[in-house]
PDB file of N, CA and C in Angstrom:
ATOM      1  N   MET A   1     -38.483 -52.285  70.521  1.00  0.00           N
ATOM      2  CA  MET A   1     -38.875 -53.876  70.438  1.00  0.00           C
ATOM      3  C   MET A   1     -40.580 -53.640  72.043  1.00  0.00           C
ATOM      4  N   SER A   2     -39.776 -53.037  72.904  1.00  0.00           N
ATOM      5  CA  SER A   2     -40.301 -52.680  73.870  1.00  0.00           C
ATOM      6  C   SER A   2     -41.796 -52.252  73.696  1.00  0.00           C
ATOM      7  N   ALA A   3     -41.686 -51.009  73.254  1.00  0.00           N
ATOM      8  CA  ALA A   3     -43.126 -51.235  72.493  1.00  0.00           C
ATOM      9  C   ALA A   3     -44.376 -52.399  71.602  1.00  0.00           C
ATOM     10  N   ARG A   4     -43.558 -53.178  71.201  1.00  0.00           N
ATOM     11  CA  ARG A   4     -44.139 -53.665  70.366  1.00  0.00           C
ATOM     12  C   ARG A   4     -44.869 -55.253  71.249  1.00  0.00           C
ATOM     13  N   ILE A   5     -43.765 -55.577  72.277  1.00  0.00           N
ATOM     14  CA  ILE A   5     -44.527 -56.029  73.460  1.00  0.00           C
ATOM     15  C   ILE A   5     -45.725 -55.657  74.348  1.00  0.00           C
ATOM     16  N   MET A   6     -45.352 -54.622  74.837  1.00  0.00           N
ATOM     17  CA  MET A   6     -46.458 -53.688  75.049  1.00  0.00           C
ATOM     18  C   MET A   6     -47.461 -53.711  74.035  1.00  0.00           C
ATOM     19  N   ALA A   7     -47.548 -53.172  73.254  1.00  0.00           N
ATOM     20  CA  ALA A   7     -48.760 -52.635  72.570  1.00  0.00           C
ATOM     21  C   ALA A   7     -49.424 -54.100  72.793  1.00  0.00           C
ATOM     22  N   LEU A   8     -49.378 -55.490  72.629  1.00  0.00           N
ATOM     23  CA  LEU A   8     -49.638 -56.816  72.818  1.00  0.00           C
ATOM     24  C   LEU A   8     -50.044 -57.243  73.983  1.00  0.00           C
ATOM     25  N   ALA A   9     -49.451 -56.797  75.178  1.00  0.00           N
ATOM     26  CA  ALA A   9     -49.922 -56.919  76.210  1.00  0.00           C
ATOM     27  C   ALA A   9     -51.186 -56.492  76.680  1.00  0.00           C
ATOM     28  N   ASP A  10     -51.074 -55.144  76.397  1.00  0.00           N
ATOM     29  CA  ASP A  10     -51.637 -54.020  76.464  1.00  0.00           C
ATOM     30  C   ASP A  10     -52.965 -54.706  76.129  1.00  0.00           C
ATOM     31  N   SER A  11     -52.909 -55.011  74.966  1.00  0.00           N
ATOM     32  CA  SER A  11     -53.968 -55.908  74.268  1.00  0.00           C
ATOM     33  C   SER A  11     -54.943 -56.757  75.068  1.00  0.00           C
ATOM     34  N   TYR A  12     -54.203 -57.869  75.309  1.00  0.00           N
ATOM     35  CA  TYR A  12     -53.679 -59.272  76.028  1.00  0.00           C
ATOM     36  C   TYR A  12     -54.919 -58.545  77.432  1.00  0.00           C
ATOM     37  N   ASP A  13     -54.704 -57.857  77.981  1.00  0.00           N
ATOM     38  CA  ASP A  13     -55.082 -57.203  79.301  1.00  0.00           C
ATOM     39  C   ASP A  13     -56.561 -56.574  79.269  1.00  0.00           C
ATOM     40  N   LEU A  14     -56.097 -55.585  77.984  1.00  0.00           N
ATOM     41  CA  LEU A  14     -57.734 -55.016  78.072  1.00  0.00           C
ATOM     42  C   LEU A  14     -59.057 -56.059  76.869  1.00  0.00           C
ATOM     43  N   LEU A  15     -58.663 -56.928  76.392  1.00  0.00           N
ATOM     44  CA  LEU A  15     -59.843 -58.114  76.330  1.00  0.00           C
ATOM     45  C   LEU A  15     -59.945 -58.698  77.427  1.00  0.00           C
ATOM     46  N   MET A  16     -59.039 -59.621  78.136  1.00  0.00           N
ATOM     47  CA  MET A  16     -59.422 -60.100  79.633  1.00  0.00           C
ATOM     48  C   MET A  16     -60.266 -58.979  81.361  1.00  0.00           C
ATOM     49  N   SER A  17     -60.307 -58.083  80.796  1.00  0.00           N
ATOM     50  CA  SER A  17     -60.733 -57.348  82.013  1.00  0.00           C
ATOM     51  C   SER A  17     -62.200 -56.322  81.421  1.00  0.00           C
ATOM     52  N   GLU A  18     -62.905 -56.382  82.254  1.00  0.00           N
ATOM     53  CA  GLU A  18     -64.533 -55.581  82.446  1.00  0.00           C
ATOM     54  C   GLU A  18     -63.745 -54.529  82.141  1.00  0.00           C
ATOM     55  N   ARG A  19     -64.857 -54.010  81.106  1.00  0.00           N
ATOM     56  CA  ARG A  19     -64.312 -52.176  80.310  1.00  0.00           C
ATOM     57  C   ARG A  19     -65.785 -51.953  80.169  1.00  0.00           C
ATOM     58  N   PRO A  20     -65.981 -50.898  80.063  1.00  0.00           N
ATOM     59  CA  PRO A  20     -67.553 -50.265  79.497  1.00  0.00           C
ATOM     60  C   PRO A  20     -67.326 -50.686  78.129  1.00  0.00           C
ATOM     61  N   SER A  21     -67.151 -51.414  77.575  1.00  0.00           N
ATOM     62  CA  SER A  21     -67.614 -51.573  75.979  1.00  0.00           C
ATOM     63  C   SER A  21     -68.242 -53.219  75.998  1.00  0.00           C
ATOM     64  N   GLY A  22     -68.160 -53.881  77.719  1.00  0.00           N
ATOM     65  CA  GLY A  22     -67.710 -55.386  77.025  1.00  0.00           C
ATOM     66  C   GLY A  22     -67.736 -55.797  77.989  1.00  0.00           C
ATOM     67  N   PRO A  23     -67.926 -56.987  78.674  1.00  0.00           N
ATOM     68  CA  PRO A  23     -67.220 -58.160  79.623  1.00  0.00           C
ATOM     69  C   PRO A  23     -66.054 -58.507  78.845  1.00  0.00           C
ATOM     70  N   PRO A  24     -65.192 -59.235  79.395  1.00  0.00           N
ATOM     71  CA  PRO A  24     -64.207 -59.365  79.509  1.00  0.00           C
ATOM     72  C   PRO A  24     -63.985 -60.724  78.421  1.00  0.00           C
ATOM     73  N   VAL A  25     -63.564 -61.014  77.381  1.00  0.00           N
ATOM     74  CA  VAL A  25     -63.589 -62.477  77.043  1.00  0.00           C
ATOM     75  C   VAL A  25     -62.647 -63.169  76.810  1.00  0.00           C
ATOM     76  N   PRO A  26     -62.668 -65.212  76.635  1.00  0.00           N
ATOM     77  CA  PRO A  26     -62.233 -65.572  77.595  1.00  0.00           C
ATOM     78  C   PRO A  26     -60.722 -66.031  76.895  1.00  0.00           C
ATOM     79  N   HIS A  27     -59.993 -66.234  77.765  1.00  0.00           N
ATOM     80  CA  HIS A  27     -58.786 -66.609  77.328  1.00  0.00           C
ATOM     81  C   HIS A  27     -58.405 -67.043  75.832  1.00  0.00           C
ATOM     82  N   SER A  28     -58.976 -68.172  75.293  1.00  0.00           N
ATOM     83  CA  SER A  28     -58.901 -68.648  74.341  1.00  0.00           C
ATOM     84  C   SER A  28     -59.431 -67.781  72.987  1.00  0.00           C
ATOM     85  N   GLU A  29     -60.586 -66.919  73.640  1.00  0.00           N
ATOM     86  CA  GLU A  29     -61.268 -65.654  72.262  1.00  0.00           C
ATOM     87  C   GLU A  29     -59.980 -64.982  72.696  1.00  0.00           C
ATOM     88  N   ALA A  30     -59.418 -64.626  73.686  1.00  0.00           N
ATOM     89  CA  ALA A  30     -58.227 -63.785  73.452  1.00  0.00           C
ATOM     90  C   ALA A  30     -57.224 -63.630  72.881  1.00  0.00           C
ATOM     91  N   MET A  31     -56.644 -65.196  72.823  1.00  0.00           N
ATOM     92  CA  MET A  31     -55.440 -65.675  71.908  1.00  0.00           C
ATOM     93  C   MET A  31     -56.279 -65.886  70.427  1.00  0.00           C
ATOM     94  N   LYS A  32     -56.732 -66.400  70.563  1.00  0.00           N
ATOM     95  CA  LYS A  32     -57.224 -65.779  68.510  1.00  0.00           C
ATOM     96  C   LYS A  32     -57.488 -64.951  67.919  1.00  0.00           C
ATOM     97  N   LEU A  33     -58.009 -63.535  68.913  1.00  0.00           N
ATOM     98  CA  LEU A  33     -58.237 -62.592  68.234  1.00  0.00           C
ATOM     99  C   LEU A  33     -56.804 -61.967  68.194  1.00  0.00           C
ATOM    100  N   ILE A  34     -55.804 -62.233  68.946  1.00  0.00           N
ATOM    101  CA  ILE A  34     -54.565 -61.940  68.751  1.00  0.00           C
ATOM    102  C   ILE A  34     -53.602 -62.655  68.310  1.00  0.00           C
ATOM    103  N   GLU A  35     -54.162 -63.504  67.780  1.00  0.00           N
ATOM    104  CA  GLU A  35     -53.238 -64.772  66.947  1.00  0.00           C
ATOM    105  C   GLU A  35     -53.892 -64.279  65.055  1.00  0.00           C
ATOM    106  N   LYS A  36     -54.976 -63.459  65.062  1.00  0.00           N
ATOM    107  CA  LYS A  36     -55.606 -62.174  64.057  1.00  0.00           C
ATOM    108  C   LYS A  36     -54.586 -61.383  63.524  1.00  0.00           C
ATOM    109  N   GLU A  37     -54.802 -60.624  64.906  1.00  0.00           N
ATOM    110  CA  GLU A  37     -53.757 -60.216  64.074  1.00  0.00           C
ATOM    111  C   GLU A  37     -52.291 -60.091  63.656  1.00  0.00           C
ATOM    112  N   LYS A  38     -51.891 -60.773  63.785  1.00  0.00           N
ATOM    113  CA  LYS A  38     -50.555 -61.331  63.313  1.00  0.00           C
ATOM    114  C   LYS A  38     -50.248 -60.642  62.326  1.00  0.00           C
ATOM    115  N   ALA A  39     -49.143 -60.084  62.437  1.00  0.00           N
ATOM    116  CA  ALA A  39     -48.479 -59.758  61.556  1.00  0.00           C
ATOM    117  C   ALA A  39     -48.671 -57.917  60.786  1.00  0.00           C
ATOM    118  N   GLN A  40     -50.094 -57.369  61.153  1.00  0.00           N
ATOM    119  CA  GLN A  40     -51.051 -56.672  61.053  1.00  0.00           C
ATOM    120  C   GLN A  40     -50.711 -55.900  61.951  1.00  0.00           C
ATOM    121  N   HIS A  41     -51.502 -55.697  63.355  1.00  0.00           N
ATOM    122  CA  HIS A  41     -51.186 -55.059  64.307  1.00  0.00           C
ATOM    123  C   HIS A  41     -50.352 -55.557  64.707  1.00  0.00           C
ATOM    124  N   PHE A  42     -49.925 -56.685  65.339  1.00  0.00           N
ATOM    125  CA  PHE A  42     -48.924 -57.303  66.257  1.00  0.00           C
ATOM    126  C   PHE A  42     -47.633 -57.717  64.848  1.00  0.00           C
ATOM    127  N   ASP A  43     -46.607 -57.742  65.938  1.00  0.00           N
ATOM    128  CA  ASP A  43     -44.836 -58.333  65.262  1.00  0.00           C
ATOM    129  C   ASP A  43     -45.269 -59.447  65.368  1.00  0.00           C
ATOM    130  N   PRO A  44     -45.104 -60.305  64.201  1.00  0.00           N
ATOM    131  CA  PRO A  44     -44.965 -61.738  64.218  1.00  0.00           C
ATOM    132  C   PRO A  44     -44.678 -62.195  65.332  1.00  0.00           C
ATOM    133  N   GLU A  45     -42.801 -62.216  65.232  1.00  0.00           N
ATOM    134  CA  GLU A  45     -42.157 -62.852  66.589  1.00  0.00           C
ATOM    135  C   GLU A  45     -42.573 -62.451  67.473  1.00  0.00           C
ATOM    136  N   ILE A  46     -42.927 -61.294  67.872  1.00  0.00           N
ATOM    137  CA  ILE A  46     -43.857 -61.284  69.314  1.00  0.00           C
ATOM    138  C   ILE A  46     -44.824 -61.727  69.580  1.00  0.00           C
ATOM    139  N   VAL A  47     -45.439 -61.828  68.409  1.00  0.00           N
ATOM    140  CA  VAL A  47     -47.278 -62.537  68.602  1.00  0.00           C
ATOM    141  C   VAL A  47     -46.363 -64.729  69.184  1.00  0.00           C
ATOM    142  N   ASN A  48     -45.763 -64.949  68.098  1.00  0.00           N
ATOM    143  CA  ASN A  48     -44.903 -65.912  68.279  1.00  0.00           C
ATOM    144  C   ASN A  48     -44.058 -66.833  69.653  1.00  0.00           C
ATOM    145  N   ALA A  49     -43.435 -65.563  70.284  1.00  0.00           N
ATOM    146  CA  ALA A  49     -43.063 -65.747  72.121  1.00  0.00           C
ATOM    147  C   ALA A  49     -44.195 -65.915  72.649  1.00  0.00           C
ATOM    148  N   PHE A  50     -45.382 -64.664  72.854  1.00  0.00           N
ATOM    149  CA  PHE A  50     -46.808 -64.936  73.465  1.00  0.00           C
ATOM    150  C   PHE A  50     -47.242 -66.617  73.130  1.00  0.00           C
ATOM    151  N   LEU A  51     -47.155 -66.629  72.101  1.00  0.00           N
ATOM    152  CA  LEU A  51     -48.081 -67.985  71.887  1.00  0.00           C
ATOM    153  C   LEU A  51     -47.639 -69.212  72.423  1.00  0.00           C
ATOM    154  N   SER A  52     -46.134 -69.058  72.950  1.00  0.00           N
ATOM    155  CA  SER A  52     -45.710 -70.138  73.161  1.00  0.00           C
ATOM    156  C   SER A  52     -45.516 -70.196  74.907  1.00  0.00           C
ATOM    157  N   ILE A  53     -45.795 -69.215  75.348  1.00  0.00           N
ATOM    158  CA  ILE A  53     -45.900 -69.186  76.654  1.00  0.00           C
ATOM    159  C   ILE A  53     -47.002 -68.586  77.361  1.00  0.00           C
ATOM    160  N   GLU A  54     -48.146 -68.890  76.802  1.00  0.00           N
ATOM    161  CA  GLU A  54     -49.419 -68.230  76.702  1.00  0.00           C
ATOM    162  C   GLU A  54     -49.996 -68.772  78.283  1.00  0.00           C
ATOM    163  N   ASP A  55     -49.733 -70.166  78.669  1.00  0.00           N
ATOM    164  CA  ASP A  55     -50.416 -70.326  79.470  1.00  0.00           C
ATOM    165  C   ASP A  55     -50.531 -69.917  80.444  1.00  0.00           C
ATOM    166  N   ARG A  56     -48.940 -69.136  80.780  1.00  0.00           N
ATOM    167  CA  ARG A  56     -48.137 -67.967  82.083  1.00  0.00           C
ATOM    168  C   ARG A  56     -49.070 -67.378  82.003  1.00  0.00           C
ATOM    169  N   PHE A  57     -49.872 -66.083  80.623  1.00  0.00           N
ATOM    170  CA  PHE A  57     -50.358 -65.123  80.860  1.00  0.00           C
ATOM    171  C   PHE A  57     -51.428 -65.484  81.152  1.00  0.00           C
ATOM    172  N   ARG A  58     -52.503 -66.200  81.081  1.00  0.00           N
ATOM    173  CA  ARG A  58     -53.784 -67.518  81.457  1.00  0.00           C
ATOM    174  C   ARG A  58     -53.686 -67.146  82.745  1.00  0.00           C
ATOM    175  N   SER A  59     -52.838 -68.163  83.490  1.00  0.00           N
ATOM    176  CA  SER A  59     -52.957 -67.702  85.157  1.00  0.00           C
ATOM    177  C   SER A  59     -52.501 -66.470  85.818  1.00  0.00           C
ATOM    178  N   ILE A  60     -51.263 -65.480  85.071  1.00  0.00           N
ATOM    179  CA  ILE A  60     -51.410 -64.186  85.495  1.00  0.00           C
ATOM    180  C   ILE A  60     -52.435 -63.169  85.389  1.00  0.00           C
ATOM    181  N   ALA A  61     -53.424 -63.438  84.925  1.00  0.00           N
ATOM    182  CA  ALA A  61     -54.563 -62.770  84.611  1.00  0.00           C
ATOM    183  C   ALA A  61     -55.594 -63.408  85.444  1.00  0.00           C
ATOM    184  N   TYR A  62     -55.502 -64.593  85.428  1.00  0.00           N
ATOM    185  CA  TYR A  62     -56.809 -64.770  86.738  1.00  0.00           C
ATOM    186  C   TYR A  62     -56.352 -64.831  87.757  1.00  0.00           C
ATOM    187  N   ASP A  63     -54.990 -64.550  88.012  1.00  0.00           N
ATOM    188  CA  ASP A  63     -54.388 -64.843  89.597  1.00  0.00           C
ATOM    189  C   ASP A  63     -54.642 -62.787  89.890  1.00  0.00           C
ATOM    190  N   LEU A  64     -54.319 -61.941  89.007  1.00  0.00           N
ATOM    191  CA  LEU A  64     -54.814 -60.318  89.093  1.00  0.00           C
ATOM    192  C   LEU A  64     -56.112 -59.955  88.369  1.00  0.00           C
ATOM    193  N   ALA A  65     -56.898 -60.613  88.754  1.00  0.00           N
ATOM    194  CA  ALA A  65     -58.319 -60.593  87.997  1.00  0.00           C
ATOM    195  C   ALA A  65     -58.988 -59.221  89.329  1.00  0.00           C
ATOM    196  N   ASP A  66     -59.584 -58.210  88.626  1.00  0.00           N
ATOM    197  CA  ASP A  66     -60.356 -57.271  89.432  1.00  0.00           C
ATOM    198  C   ASP A  66     -61.193 -57.961  90.698  1.00  0.00           C
ATOM    199  N   SER A  67     -61.577 -59.105  90.330  1.00  0.00           N
ATOM    200  CA  SER A  67     -62.460 -59.312  91.796  1.00  0.00           C
ATOM    201  C   SER A  67     -62.886 -60.760  91.671  1.00  0.00           C
ATOM    202  N   GLU A  68     -62.912 -61.662  92.497  1.00  0.00           N
ATOM    203  CA  GLU A  68     -63.328 -63.009  92.811  1.00  0.00           C
ATOM    204  C   GLU A  68     -64.905 -63.088  91.826  1.00  0.00           C
ATOM    205  N   GLU A  69     -65.128 -61.940  91.784  1.00  0.00           N
ATOM    206  CA  GLU A  69     -66.282 -62.524  90.279  1.00  0.00           C
ATOM    207  C   GLU A  69     -65.836 -62.550  89.419  1.00  0.00           C
ATOM    208  N   GLU A  70     -64.917 -61.797  88.570  1.00  0.00           N
ATOM    209  CA  GLU A  70     -64.168 -61.922  87.745  1.00  0.00           C
ATOM    210  C   GLU A  70     -63.380 -62.815  87.274  1.00  0.00           C
ATOM    211  N   ARG A  71     -63.033 -63.827  88.445  1.00  0.00           N
ATOM    212  CA  ARG A  71     -62.249 -64.580  88.710  1.00  0.00           C
ATOM    213  C   ARG A  71     -62.990 -65.918  87.781  1.00  0.00           C
ATOM    214  N   ALA A  72     -63.869 -65.782  88.866  1.00  0.00           N
ATOM    215  CA  ALA A  72     -64.992 -67.364  88.342  1.00  0.00           C
ATOM    216  C   ALA A  72     -65.232 -67.380  86.967  1.00  0.00           C
ATOM    217  N   ALA A  73     -65.656 -65.991  86.634  1.00  0.00           N
ATOM    218  CA  ALA A  73     -65.994 -65.509  85.363  1.00  0.00           C
ATOM    219  C   ALA A  73     -65.742 -65.991  84.330  1.00  0.00           C
ATOM    220  N   ALA A  74     -64.606 -65.670  84.743  1.00  0.00           N
ATOM    221  CA  ALA A  74     -63.385 -66.400  82.909  1.00  0.00           C
ATOM    222  C   ALA A  74     -63.403 -67.165  82.961  1.00  0.00           C
ATOM    223  N   ALA A  75     -62.957 -67.979  84.095  1.00  0.00           N
ATOM    224  CA  ALA A  75     -62.949 -69.367  84.364  1.00  0.00           C
ATOM    225  C   ALA A  75     -64.239 -70.239  84.092  1.00  0.00           C
ATOM    226  N   ARG A  76     -65.236 -70.337  83.779  1.00  0.00           N
ATOM    227  CA  ARG A  76     -66.718 -70.290  83.705  1.00  0.00           C
ATOM    228  C   ARG A  76     -66.251 -70.741  81.876  1.00  0.00           C
ATOM    229  N   LYS A  77     -66.493 -68.856  81.460  1.00  0.00           N
ATOM    230  CA  LYS A  77     -66.124 -69.273  79.890  1.00  0.00           C
ATOM    231  C   LYS A  77     -65.066 -69.720  79.483  1.00  0.00           C
ATOM    232  N   GLU A  78     -63.879 -69.911  80.161  1.00  0.00           N
ATOM    233  CA  GLU A  78     -63.306 -70.757  79.630  1.00  0.00           C
ATOM    234  C   GLU A  78     -63.615 -72.344  79.351  1.00  0.00           C
ATOM    235  N   ARG A  79     -63.842 -72.404  80.111  1.00  0.00           N
ATOM    236  CA  ARG A  79     -64.731 -74.334  80.034  1.00  0.00           C
ATOM    237  C   ARG A  79     -65.585 -74.207  79.246  1.00  0.00           C
ATOM    238  N   SER A  80     -66.399 -73.344  78.958  1.00  0.00           N
ATOM    239  CA  SER A  80     -67.477 -73.689  78.335  1.00  0.00           C
ATOM    240  C   SER A  80     -67.501 -73.376  76.796  1.00  0.00           C
TER     241      SER A  80
END
């Protein structure tokens, strides 16, 4: 179970972070991608639990962004 939780959390973190393959995606896009992989890549129960507290994940991701620029860029993308 813990590995399933970490797989989803790690994927969310990767999507929300600056990476060599591209810029971070907005929280809403990350959520769509995760939901799309429900029952294929991610445990459905874990995805359902994650979706039920997604606002908390968004808040944590923005609070722990690597830089103020990344935080501001993520917030701008989310609003558009």
